[in-house]
C-alpha atoms as a PDB file:
ATOM      1  CA  UNK A   1     -14.861 116.511 199.065  1.00  0.00           C
ATOM      2  CA  UNK A   2     -18.238 116.288 197.590  1.00  0.00           C
ATOM      3  CA  UNK A   3     -21.645 117.463 198.766  1.00  0.00           C
ATOM      4  CA  UNK A   4     -24.907 118.379 197.017  1.00  0.00           C
ATOM      5  CA  UNK A   5     -27.565 120.817 198.138  1.00  0.00           C
ATOM      6  CA  UNK A   6     -30.047 118.019 198.679  1.00  0.00           C
ATOM      7  CA  UNK A   7     -27.749 115.673 200.598  1.00  0.00           C
ATOM      8  CA  UNK A   8     -24.841 115.748 202.939  1.00  0.00           C
ATOM      9  CA  UNK A   9     -21.956 113.388 202.209  1.00  0.00           C
ATOM     10  CA  UNK A  10     -22.646 109.696 202.786  1.00  0.00           C
ATOM     11  CA  UNK A  11     -20.317 109.925 205.776  1.00  0.00           C
ATOM     12  CA  UNK A  12     -22.829 111.883 207.856  1.00  0.00           C
ATOM     13  CA  UNK A  13     -22.986 115.471 209.140  1.00  0.00           C
ATOM     14  CA  UNK A  14     -19.846 117.499 208.569  1.00  0.00           C
ATOM     15  CA  UNK A  15     -18.018 119.907 210.885  1.00  0.00           C
ATOM     16  CA  UNK A  16     -15.490 122.695 210.418  1.00  0.00           C
ATOM     17  CA  UNK A  17     -12.876 121.024 212.629  1.00  0.00           C
ATOM     18  CA  UNK A  18      -9.449 120.682 211.021  1.00  0.00           C
ATOM     19  CA  UNK A  19      -7.181 118.958 213.536  1.00  0.00           C
ATOM     20  CA  UNK A  20      -8.765 115.512 213.754  1.00  0.00           C
ATOM     21  CA  UNK A  21      -7.314 112.018 213.552  1.00  0.00           C
ATOM     22  CA  UNK A  22      -8.972 111.283 210.160  1.00  0.00           C
ATOM     23  CA  UNK A  23      -7.589 114.540 208.726  1.00  0.00           C
ATOM     24  CA  UNK A  24      -4.102 113.741 210.017  1.00  0.00           C
ATOM     25  CA  UNK A  25      -4.306 110.315 208.348  1.00  0.00           C
ATOM     26  CA  UNK A  26      -5.429 111.902 205.077  1.00  0.00           C
ATOM     27  CA  UNK A  27      -2.584 114.428 205.267  1.00  0.00           C
ATOM     28  CA  UNK A  28      -0.062 111.635 205.870  1.00  0.00           C
ATOM     29  CA  UNK A  29      -1.424 109.870 202.791  1.00  0.00           C
ATOM     30  CA  UNK A  30      -0.707 113.010 200.781  1.00  0.00           C
ATOM     31  CA  UNK A  31       2.831 113.176 202.177  1.00  0.00           C
ATOM     32  CA  UNK A  32       3.356 109.607 200.977  1.00  0.00           C
ATOM     33  CA  UNK A  33       2.553 110.449 197.341  1.00  0.00           C
ATOM     34  CA  UNK A  34       6.024 111.835 196.374  1.00  0.00           C
ATOM     35  CA  UNK A  35       7.666 108.980 198.310  1.00  0.00           C
ATOM     36  CA  UNK A  36       5.617 106.473 196.354  1.00  0.00           C
ATOM     37  CA  UNK A  37       6.352 108.156 193.008  1.00  0.00           C
ATOM     38  CA  UNK A  38      10.101 108.176 193.693  1.00  0.00           C
ATOM     39  CA  UNK A  39      10.028 104.522 194.753  1.00  0.00           C
ATOM     40  CA  UNK A  40       8.130 103.265 191.730  1.00  0.00           C
ATOM     41  CA  UNK A  41      10.171 105.256 189.196  1.00  0.00           C
ATOM     42  CA  UNK A  42      13.478 104.130 190.699  1.00  0.00           C
ATOM     43  CA  UNK A  43      12.238 100.506 190.974  1.00  0.00           C
ATOM     44  CA  UNK A  44      12.354 100.395 194.763  1.00  0.00           C
ATOM     45  CA  UNK A  45       9.303  98.167 194.564  1.00  0.00           C
ATOM     46  CA  UNK A  46       9.246  97.107 198.210  1.00  0.00           C
ATOM     47  CA  UNK A  47       9.053 100.738 199.355  1.00  0.00           C
ATOM     48  CA  UNK A  48       6.441 101.469 196.698  1.00  0.00           C
ATOM     49  CA  UNK A  49       4.299  98.526 197.779  1.00  0.00           C
ATOM     50  CA  UNK A  50       4.591  99.347 201.478  1.00  0.00           C
ATOM     51  CA  UNK A  51       3.646 102.979 200.813  1.00  0.00           C
ATOM     52  CA  UNK A  52       0.655 101.931 198.726  1.00  0.00           C
ATOM     53  CA  UNK A  53      -0.457  99.432 201.369  1.00  0.00           C
ATOM     54  CA  UNK A  54      -0.138 102.076 204.081  1.00  0.00           C
ATOM     55  CA  UNK A  55      -2.239 104.407 201.960  1.00  0.00           C
ATOM     56  CA  UNK A  56      -4.972 101.797 201.594  1.00  0.00           C
ATOM     57  CA  UNK A  57      -5.040 101.052 205.325  1.00  0.00           C
ATOM     58  CA  UNK A  58      -5.114 104.743 206.273  1.00  0.00           C
ATOM     59  CA  UNK A  59      -7.859 105.374 203.708  1.00  0.00           C
ATOM     60  CA  UNK A  60      -9.997 102.717 205.395  1.00  0.00           C
ATOM     61  CA  UNK A  61      -9.187 103.914 208.902  1.00  0.00           C
ATOM     62  CA  UNK A  62      -9.835 107.617 208.345  1.00  0.00           C
ATOM     63  CA  UNK A  63     -13.327 106.915 207.006  1.00  0.00           C
ATOM     64  CA  UNK A  64     -14.095 104.392 209.727  1.00  0.00           C
ATOM     65  CA  UNK A  65     -12.914 106.678 212.532  1.00  0.00           C
ATOM     66  CA  UNK A  66     -14.667 109.721 211.062  1.00  0.00           C
ATOM     67  CA  UNK A  67     -18.023 107.945 210.875  1.00  0.00           C
ATOM     68  CA  UNK A  68     -17.685 106.126 214.194  1.00  0.00           C
ATOM     69  CA  UNK A  69     -16.735 109.152 216.295  1.00  0.00           C
ATOM     70  CA  UNK A  70     -18.533 111.935 214.415  1.00  0.00           C
ATOM     71  CA  UNK A  71     -15.303 113.458 213.082  1.00  0.00           C
ATOM     72  CA  UNK A  72     -16.409 113.960 209.489  1.00  0.00           C
ATOM     73  CA  UNK A  73     -15.100 117.373 208.383  1.00  0.00           C
ATOM     74  CA  UNK A  74     -15.179 119.482 205.269  1.00  0.00           C
ATOM     75  CA  UNK A  75     -11.379 119.463 205.168  1.00  0.00           C
ATOM     76  CA  UNK A  76     -11.422 115.667 205.277  1.00  0.00           C
ATOM     77  CA  UNK A  77     -13.951 115.551 202.458  1.00  0.00           C
ATOM     78  CA  UNK A  78     -11.418 117.489 200.362  1.00  0.00           C
ATOM     79  CA  UNK A  79      -8.262 115.636 201.420  1.00  0.00           C
ATOM     80  CA  UNK A  80      -9.596 112.089 201.116  1.00  0.00           C
ATOM     81  CA  UNK A  81     -10.591 112.041 197.416  1.00  0.00           C
ATOM     82  CA  UNK A  82      -7.578 114.238 196.580  1.00  0.00           C
ATOM     83  CA  UNK A  83      -5.239 111.636 198.076  1.00  0.00           C
ATOM     84  CA  UNK A  84      -7.068 108.852 196.207  1.00  0.00           C
ATOM     85  CA  UNK A  85      -6.706 110.617 192.879  1.00  0.00           C
ATOM     86  CA  UNK A  86      -3.055 111.507 193.429  1.00  0.00           C
ATOM     87  CA  UNK A  87      -2.169 107.900 194.255  1.00  0.00           C
ATOM     88  CA  UNK A  88      -4.049 106.660 191.213  1.00  0.00           C
ATOM     89  CA  UNK A  89      -2.392 109.280 188.955  1.00  0.00           C
ATOM     90  CA  UNK A  90       1.140 108.637 190.224  1.00  0.00           C
ATOM     91  CA  UNK A  91       0.687 104.870 190.063  1.00  0.00           C
ATOM     92  CA  UNK A  92      -0.633 105.063 186.515  1.00  0.00           C
ATOM     93  CA  UNK A  93       2.279 107.223 185.440  1.00  0.00           C
ATOM     94  CA  UNK A  94       4.851 105.027 187.176  1.00  0.00           C
ATOM     95  CA  UNK A  95       3.478 101.729 185.860  1.00  0.00           C
ATOM     96  CA  UNK A  96       3.117 103.083 182.332  1.00  0.00           C
ATOM     97  CA  UNK A  97       6.637 104.558 182.459  1.00  0.00           C
ATOM     98  CA  UNK A  98       7.952 101.110 183.343  1.00  0.00           C
ATOM     99  CA  UNK A  99       5.764  99.555 180.605  1.00  0.00           C
ATOM    100  CA  UNK A 100       3.807  97.421 183.069  1.00  0.00           C
ATOM    101  CA  UNK A 101       0.505  98.878 181.816  1.00  0.00           C
ATOM    102  CA  UNK A 102      -0.273 100.419 178.406  1.00  0.00           C
ATOM    103  CA  UNK A 103      -0.537 104.168 177.991  1.00  0.00           C
ATOM    104  CA  UNK A 104      -4.058 103.812 176.543  1.00  0.00           C
ATOM    105  CA  UNK A 105      -5.259 102.620 179.957  1.00  0.00           C
ATOM    106  CA  UNK A 106      -3.736 105.757 181.447  1.00  0.00           C
ATOM    107  CA  UNK A 107      -5.610 107.839 178.873  1.00  0.00           C
ATOM    108  CA  UNK A 108      -8.867 106.012 179.682  1.00  0.00           C
ATOM    109  CA  UNK A 109      -8.641 106.742 183.398  1.00  0.00           C
ATOM    110  CA  UNK A 110      -7.280 110.272 183.017  1.00  0.00           C
ATOM    111  CA  UNK A 111     -10.071 110.967 180.523  1.00  0.00           C
ATOM    112  CA  UNK A 112     -12.617 110.147 183.195  1.00  0.00           C
ATOM    113  CA  UNK A 113     -10.913 112.579 185.590  1.00  0.00           C
ATOM    114  CA  UNK A 114     -11.002 115.320 182.944  1.00  0.00           C
ATOM    115  CA  UNK A 115     -14.701 114.631 182.407  1.00  0.00           C
ATOM    116  CA  UNK A 116     -15.355 114.956 186.136  1.00  0.00           C
ATOM    117  CA  UNK A 117     -13.367 118.202 186.223  1.00  0.00           C
ATOM    118  CA  UNK A 118     -15.661 119.635 183.538  1.00  0.00           C
ATOM    119  CA  UNK A 119     -18.758 118.488 185.454  1.00  0.00           C
ATOM    120  CA  UNK A 120     -17.516 120.110 188.665  1.00  0.00           C
ATOM    121  CA  UNK A 121     -16.702 123.326 186.792  1.00  0.00           C
ATOM    122  CA  UNK A 122     -20.271 123.452 185.473  1.00  0.00           C
ATOM    123  CA  UNK A 123     -21.975 122.963 188.839  1.00  0.00           C
ATOM    124  CA  UNK A 124     -19.711 125.550 190.492  1.00  0.00           C
ATOM    125  CA  UNK A 125     -21.462 128.120 188.315  1.00  0.00           C
ATOM    126  CA  UNK A 126     -24.575 127.276 190.302  1.00  0.00           C
ATOM    127  CA  UNK A 127     -22.863 127.648 193.667  1.00  0.00           C
ATOM    128  CA  UNK A 128     -22.292 123.912 194.123  1.00  0.00           C
ATOM    129  CA  UNK A 129     -18.840 122.943 195.460  1.00  0.00           C
ATOM    130  CA  UNK A 130     -19.013 119.214 194.729  1.00  0.00           C
ATOM    131  CA  UNK A 131     -21.134 116.103 194.463  1.00  0.00           C
ATOM    132  CA  UNK A 132     -21.950 113.391 197.018  1.00  0.00           C
ATOM    133  CA  UNK A 133     -19.439 110.555 197.108  1.00  0.00           C
ATOM    134  CA  UNK A 134     -21.225 107.287 196.328  1.00  0.00           C
ATOM    135  CA  UNK A 135     -20.448 103.614 196.755  1.00  0.00           C
ATOM    136  CA  UNK A 136     -19.653 102.953 193.091  1.00  0.00           C
ATOM    137  CA  UNK A 137     -16.930 105.614 193.040  1.00  0.00           C
ATOM    138  CA  UNK A 138     -15.345 104.277 196.226  1.00  0.00           C
ATOM    139  CA  UNK A 139     -15.575 100.691 194.919  1.00  0.00           C
ATOM    140  CA  UNK A 140     -13.817 101.755 191.720  1.00  0.00           C
ATOM    141  CA  UNK A 141     -11.026 103.385 193.714  1.00  0.00           C
ATOM    142  CA  UNK A 142     -10.578 100.317 195.909  1.00  0.00           C
ATOM    143  CA  UNK A 143     -10.435  98.041 192.853  1.00  0.00           C
ATOM    144  CA  UNK A 144      -7.755 100.189 191.247  1.00  0.00           C
ATOM    145  CA  UNK A 145      -5.744 100.466 194.445  1.00  0.00           C
ATOM    146  CA  UNK A 146      -5.784  96.668 194.720  1.00  0.00           C
ATOM    147  CA  UNK A 147      -4.933  96.272 191.036  1.00  0.00           C
ATOM    148  CA  UNK A 148      -1.808  98.415 190.993  1.00  0.00           C
ATOM    149  CA  UNK A 149       0.286  96.593 193.631  1.00  0.00           C
ATOM    150  CA  UNK A 150      -0.692  93.240 192.097  1.00  0.00           C
ATOM    151  CA  UNK A 151       0.378  94.427 188.649  1.00  0.00           C
ATOM    152  CA  UNK A 152       3.630  95.667 190.135  1.00  0.00           C
ATOM    153  CA  UNK A 153       4.146  92.284 191.823  1.00  0.00           C
ATOM    154  CA  UNK A 154       3.307  90.605 188.518  1.00  0.00           C
ATOM    155  CA  UNK A 155       6.221  92.325 186.787  1.00  0.00           C
ATOM    156  CA  UNK A 156       8.489  89.297 186.896  1.00  0.00           C
ATOM    157  CA  UNK A 157       8.865  85.633 185.986  1.00  0.00           C
ATOM    158  CA  UNK A 158       8.346  83.960 189.370  1.00  0.00           C
ATOM    159  CA  UNK A 159       5.370  81.706 190.095  1.00  0.00           C
ATOM    160  CA  UNK A 160       4.123  84.427 192.464  1.00  0.00           C
ATOM    161  CA  UNK A 161       4.183  86.943 189.603  1.00  0.00           C
ATOM    162  CA  UNK A 162       2.290  84.555 187.329  1.00  0.00           C
ATOM    163  CA  UNK A 163      -0.779  84.533 189.557  1.00  0.00           C
ATOM    164  CA  UNK A 164      -0.470  88.154 190.699  1.00  0.00           C
ATOM    165  CA  UNK A 165      -0.643  89.539 187.165  1.00  0.00           C
ATOM    166  CA  UNK A 166      -4.034  88.076 186.041  1.00  0.00           C
ATOM    167  CA  UNK A 167      -5.633  88.931 189.388  1.00  0.00           C
ATOM    168  CA  UNK A 168      -4.214  92.444 189.100  1.00  0.00           C
ATOM    169  CA  UNK A 169      -5.666  92.856 185.619  1.00  0.00           C
ATOM    170  CA  UNK A 170      -9.058  91.593 186.829  1.00  0.00           C
ATOM    171  CA  UNK A 171      -9.102  94.292 189.497  1.00  0.00           C
ATOM    172  CA  UNK A 172      -7.873  96.843 186.937  1.00  0.00           C
ATOM    173  CA  UNK A 173     -10.681  96.101 184.482  1.00  0.00           C
ATOM    174  CA  UNK A 174     -13.371  96.089 187.164  1.00  0.00           C
ATOM    175  CA  UNK A 175     -11.984  99.319 188.569  1.00  0.00           C
ATOM    176  CA  UNK A 176     -11.882 100.984 185.160  1.00  0.00           C
ATOM    177  CA  UNK A 177     -15.465  99.997 184.330  1.00  0.00           C
ATOM    178  CA  UNK A 178     -16.731 101.132 187.736  1.00  0.00           C
ATOM    179  CA  UNK A 179     -14.716 104.354 187.421  1.00  0.00           C
ATOM    180  CA  UNK A 180     -16.625 105.240 184.266  1.00  0.00           C
ATOM    181  CA  UNK A 181     -19.960 104.080 185.691  1.00  0.00           C
ATOM    182  CA  UNK A 182     -19.307 106.408 188.630  1.00  0.00           C
ATOM    183  CA  UNK A 183     -18.495 109.179 186.147  1.00  0.00           C
ATOM    184  CA  UNK A 184     -21.871 108.715 184.450  1.00  0.00           C
ATOM    185  CA  UNK A 185     -23.572 108.785 187.859  1.00  0.00           C
ATOM    186  CA  UNK A 186     -21.803 112.075 188.653  1.00  0.00           C
ATOM    187  CA  UNK A 187     -23.103 113.515 185.381  1.00  0.00           C
ATOM    188  CA  UNK A 188     -26.656 112.499 186.338  1.00  0.00           C
ATOM    189  CA  UNK A 189     -26.205 114.086 189.777  1.00  0.00           C
ATOM    190  CA  UNK A 190     -24.850 117.253 188.186  1.00  0.00           C
ATOM    191  CA  UNK A 191     -27.858 117.474 185.873  1.00  0.00           C
ATOM    192  CA  UNK A 192     -30.142 117.180 188.908  1.00  0.00           C
ATOM    193  CA  UNK A 193     -28.257 119.984 190.659  1.00  0.00           C
ATOM    194  CA  UNK A 194     -28.525 122.239 187.601  1.00  0.00           C
ATOM    195  CA  UNK A 195     -32.225 121.404 187.117  1.00  0.00           C
ATOM    196  CA  UNK A 196     -32.963 122.115 190.784  1.00  0.00           C
ATOM    197  CA  UNK A 197     -31.276 125.524 190.627  1.00  0.00           C
ATOM    198  CA  UNK A 198     -33.057 126.466 187.396  1.00  0.00           C
ATOM    199  CA  UNK A 199     -36.418 125.398 188.839  1.00  0.00           C
ATOM    200  CA  UNK A 200     -35.900 127.303 192.095  1.00  0.00           C
ATOM    201  CA  UNK A 201     -37.889 130.570 192.318  1.00  0.00           C
ATOM    202  CA  UNK A 202     -35.828 133.699 191.930  1.00  0.00           C
ATOM    203  CA  UNK A 203     -35.732 135.655 195.202  1.00  0.00           C
ATOM    204  CA  UNK A 204     -35.917 139.367 195.459  1.00  0.00           C
END
């Protein structure tokens, strides 16, 4: 989704192609969001876990294929982070609804998304569509996407649940911290974009 004037996305040069394998995978991830939400709210945990696992695998594959075969596209740069955020939002809502995680954790992560929305709104005033995706933001997403299925598996009294829950919370805390670190990095990038536009000579 996110590019700056001074740098193309970390995935390499982008194209305007729409019908590519990575884009199809990203679209299928989006289709899985309502399926996942239904499954987690109705306690069909096996379906929820399988959907979340499929999302994680497709997320890895679409990036790998796009970089390997030069199929990075602007559409893909929009769909990929959108799918990530929708899965995180629906998982947060579902887990909090079932009282597996506290609502204050939901507020902490949603607050970061609101902050990023404000940052993006500011840079759009300067003609900037988005910001470059960086490793910290992707690492935060991966941590959270690992945390959620483990926390869901930890919702029980079995010996399997007893080890899944602490590992899930470890991923959740690392993901939350990295999520906010990434947010601060986006703010710094946004300030650089604004400063560069203000310093640019006025044409005409």
